[in-house]
């Protein structure tokens, strides 16, 4: 499904999705693939999003 994961300092950061995913909008970045990220949303689903589709919560 994914290929060529990059090392990133944002892995593990919590985020908010700009558009919710089945009613869930809070998640954690678990993978970085360049212009796309894998986010695990609070219901446990892992979704692929573009970097401009989330807001990182520092």
N, C-alpha and C. Protein backbone atom coordinates (compact mmCIF):
# COMPACT_ATOMS: atom_id res chain seq x y z
N UNK A 1 0.83 -1.19 0.00
CA UNK A 1 0.00 0.00 0.00
C UNK A 1 0.87 1.25 0.00
N UNK A 2 1.88 1.28 0.86
CA UNK A 2 2.75 2.44 0.93
C UNK A 2 4.14 2.02 0.46
N UNK A 3 4.93 2.98 0.01
CA UNK A 3 6.31 2.67 -0.34
C UNK A 3 7.21 3.84 -0.03
N UNK A 4 8.46 3.53 0.24
CA UNK A 4 9.49 4.52 0.50
C UNK A 4 9.15 5.50 1.62
N UNK A 5 8.98 4.97 2.82
CA UNK A 5 8.72 5.83 3.96
C UNK A 5 9.96 6.65 4.27
N UNK A 6 9.76 7.92 4.61
CA UNK A 6 10.86 8.82 4.94
C UNK A 6 10.98 8.99 6.44
N UNK A 7 12.20 9.22 6.92
CA UNK A 7 12.39 9.59 8.31
C UNK A 7 11.84 10.99 8.50
N UNK A 8 11.12 11.20 9.58
CA UNK A 8 10.47 12.49 9.77
C UNK A 8 10.31 12.80 11.25
N UNK A 9 10.41 14.07 11.57
CA UNK A 9 10.23 14.50 12.95
C UNK A 9 8.76 14.66 13.31
N UNK A 10 7.86 14.56 12.34
CA UNK A 10 6.44 14.73 12.66
C UNK A 10 5.75 13.40 12.97
N UNK A 11 6.43 12.28 12.79
CA UNK A 11 5.84 10.99 13.15
C UNK A 11 5.63 10.97 14.66
N UNK A 12 4.44 10.63 15.07
CA UNK A 12 4.08 10.64 16.49
C UNK A 12 3.35 11.90 16.92
N UNK A 13 3.34 12.91 16.05
CA UNK A 13 2.64 14.16 16.37
C UNK A 13 1.13 13.98 16.23
N UNK A 14 0.40 14.63 17.11
CA UNK A 14 -1.06 14.60 17.01
C UNK A 14 -1.51 15.67 16.03
N UNK A 15 -2.65 15.42 15.39
CA UNK A 15 -3.11 16.33 14.35
C UNK A 15 -4.64 16.36 14.30
N UNK A 16 -5.15 17.36 13.59
CA UNK A 16 -6.57 17.48 13.31
C UNK A 16 -6.74 17.46 11.80
N UNK A 17 -7.69 16.66 11.33
CA UNK A 17 -8.00 16.62 9.91
C UNK A 17 -8.87 17.81 9.55
N UNK A 18 -8.60 18.45 8.43
CA UNK A 18 -9.43 19.58 8.00
C UNK A 18 -10.82 19.11 7.58
N UNK A 19 -10.92 17.88 7.05
CA UNK A 19 -12.21 17.27 6.73
C UNK A 19 -12.28 15.97 7.52
N UNK A 20 -13.35 15.80 8.32
CA UNK A 20 -13.40 14.60 9.16
C UNK A 20 -13.52 13.32 8.33
N UNK A 21 -13.17 12.23 8.97
CA UNK A 21 -13.21 10.91 8.35
C UNK A 21 -14.24 10.09 9.12
N UNK A 22 -15.43 9.95 8.56
CA UNK A 22 -16.53 9.22 9.22
C UNK A 22 -16.82 9.76 10.62
N UNK A 23 -16.76 11.07 10.76
CA UNK A 23 -17.06 11.70 12.04
C UNK A 23 -15.86 11.88 12.95
N UNK A 24 -14.70 11.38 12.57
CA UNK A 24 -13.49 11.50 13.39
C UNK A 24 -12.54 12.49 12.75
N UNK A 25 -11.98 13.38 13.57
CA UNK A 25 -11.10 14.40 13.01
C UNK A 25 -9.77 14.55 13.75
N UNK A 26 -9.57 13.78 14.80
CA UNK A 26 -8.32 13.86 15.57
C UNK A 26 -7.53 12.58 15.34
N UNK A 27 -6.22 12.73 15.16
CA UNK A 27 -5.40 11.55 14.91
C UNK A 27 -3.95 11.77 15.25
N UNK A 28 -3.13 10.80 14.84
CA UNK A 28 -1.69 10.83 15.08
C UNK A 28 -0.98 10.43 13.79
N UNK A 29 0.05 11.17 13.44
CA UNK A 29 0.83 10.86 12.24
C UNK A 29 1.68 9.62 12.54
N UNK A 30 1.53 8.58 11.71
CA UNK A 30 2.30 7.35 11.94
C UNK A 30 3.21 7.00 10.77
N UNK A 31 3.13 7.75 9.68
CA UNK A 31 4.00 7.49 8.54
C UNK A 31 4.15 8.71 7.66
N UNK A 32 5.34 8.87 7.08
CA UNK A 32 5.63 10.01 6.21
C UNK A 32 6.13 9.48 4.87
N UNK A 33 5.40 9.78 3.81
CA UNK A 33 5.75 9.31 2.47
C UNK A 33 5.89 10.50 1.52
N UNK A 34 6.62 11.51 1.96
CA UNK A 34 6.85 12.68 1.12
C UNK A 34 5.68 13.65 1.21
N UNK A 35 4.93 13.79 0.13
CA UNK A 35 3.82 14.74 0.13
C UNK A 35 2.57 14.16 0.78
N UNK A 36 2.60 12.87 1.15
CA UNK A 36 1.47 12.25 1.83
C UNK A 36 1.91 11.67 3.17
N UNK A 37 0.96 11.64 4.10
CA UNK A 37 1.20 11.11 5.44
C UNK A 37 0.18 10.03 5.74
N UNK A 38 0.54 9.09 6.61
CA UNK A 38 -0.42 8.13 7.12
C UNK A 38 -0.81 8.61 8.51
N UNK A 39 -2.12 8.74 8.72
CA UNK A 39 -2.65 9.21 10.00
C UNK A 39 -3.55 8.12 10.58
N UNK A 40 -3.35 7.80 11.86
CA UNK A 40 -4.26 6.90 12.56
C UNK A 40 -5.27 7.78 13.30
N UNK A 41 -6.52 7.75 12.84
CA UNK A 41 -7.56 8.57 13.46
C UNK A 41 -8.05 7.89 14.74
N UNK A 42 -8.79 8.63 15.55
CA UNK A 42 -9.14 8.17 16.88
C UNK A 42 -10.00 6.91 16.90
N UNK A 43 -10.61 6.52 15.77
CA UNK A 43 -11.37 5.26 15.74
C UNK A 43 -10.48 4.07 15.37
N UNK A 44 -9.17 4.30 15.16
CA UNK A 44 -8.23 3.24 14.86
C UNK A 44 -7.93 3.05 13.38
N UNK A 45 -8.69 3.69 12.51
CA UNK A 45 -8.46 3.58 11.07
C UNK A 45 -7.18 4.32 10.68
N UNK A 46 -6.46 3.76 9.72
CA UNK A 46 -5.26 4.41 9.19
C UNK A 46 -5.58 4.92 7.80
N UNK A 47 -5.39 6.22 7.59
CA UNK A 47 -5.74 6.83 6.31
C UNK A 47 -4.54 7.58 5.75
N UNK A 48 -4.51 7.70 4.44
CA UNK A 48 -3.46 8.45 3.74
C UNK A 48 -4.03 9.84 3.44
N UNK A 49 -3.30 10.88 3.84
CA UNK A 49 -3.74 12.26 3.59
C UNK A 49 -2.57 13.06 3.04
N UNK A 50 -2.88 14.13 2.33
CA UNK A 50 -1.85 15.06 1.90
C UNK A 50 -1.51 15.98 3.07
N UNK A 51 -0.29 16.49 3.07
CA UNK A 51 0.18 17.34 4.17
C UNK A 51 -0.71 18.56 4.41
N UNK A 52 -1.32 19.09 3.35
CA UNK A 52 -2.15 20.28 3.53
C UNK A 52 -3.57 19.95 3.98
N UNK A 53 -3.85 18.69 4.28
CA UNK A 53 -5.17 18.28 4.75
C UNK A 53 -5.24 18.12 6.27
N UNK A 54 -4.12 18.42 6.96
CA UNK A 54 -4.10 18.31 8.42
C UNK A 54 -3.49 19.55 9.04
N UNK A 55 -3.77 19.72 10.32
CA UNK A 55 -3.12 20.75 11.14
C UNK A 55 -2.43 20.01 12.28
N UNK A 56 -1.12 20.19 12.40
CA UNK A 56 -0.37 19.56 13.48
C UNK A 56 -0.64 20.28 14.79
N UNK A 57 -0.83 19.50 15.86
CA UNK A 57 -1.06 20.06 17.19
C UNK A 57 0.24 19.92 17.98
N UNK A 58 0.93 21.01 18.19
CA UNK A 58 2.23 20.96 18.88
C UNK A 58 2.06 21.01 20.36
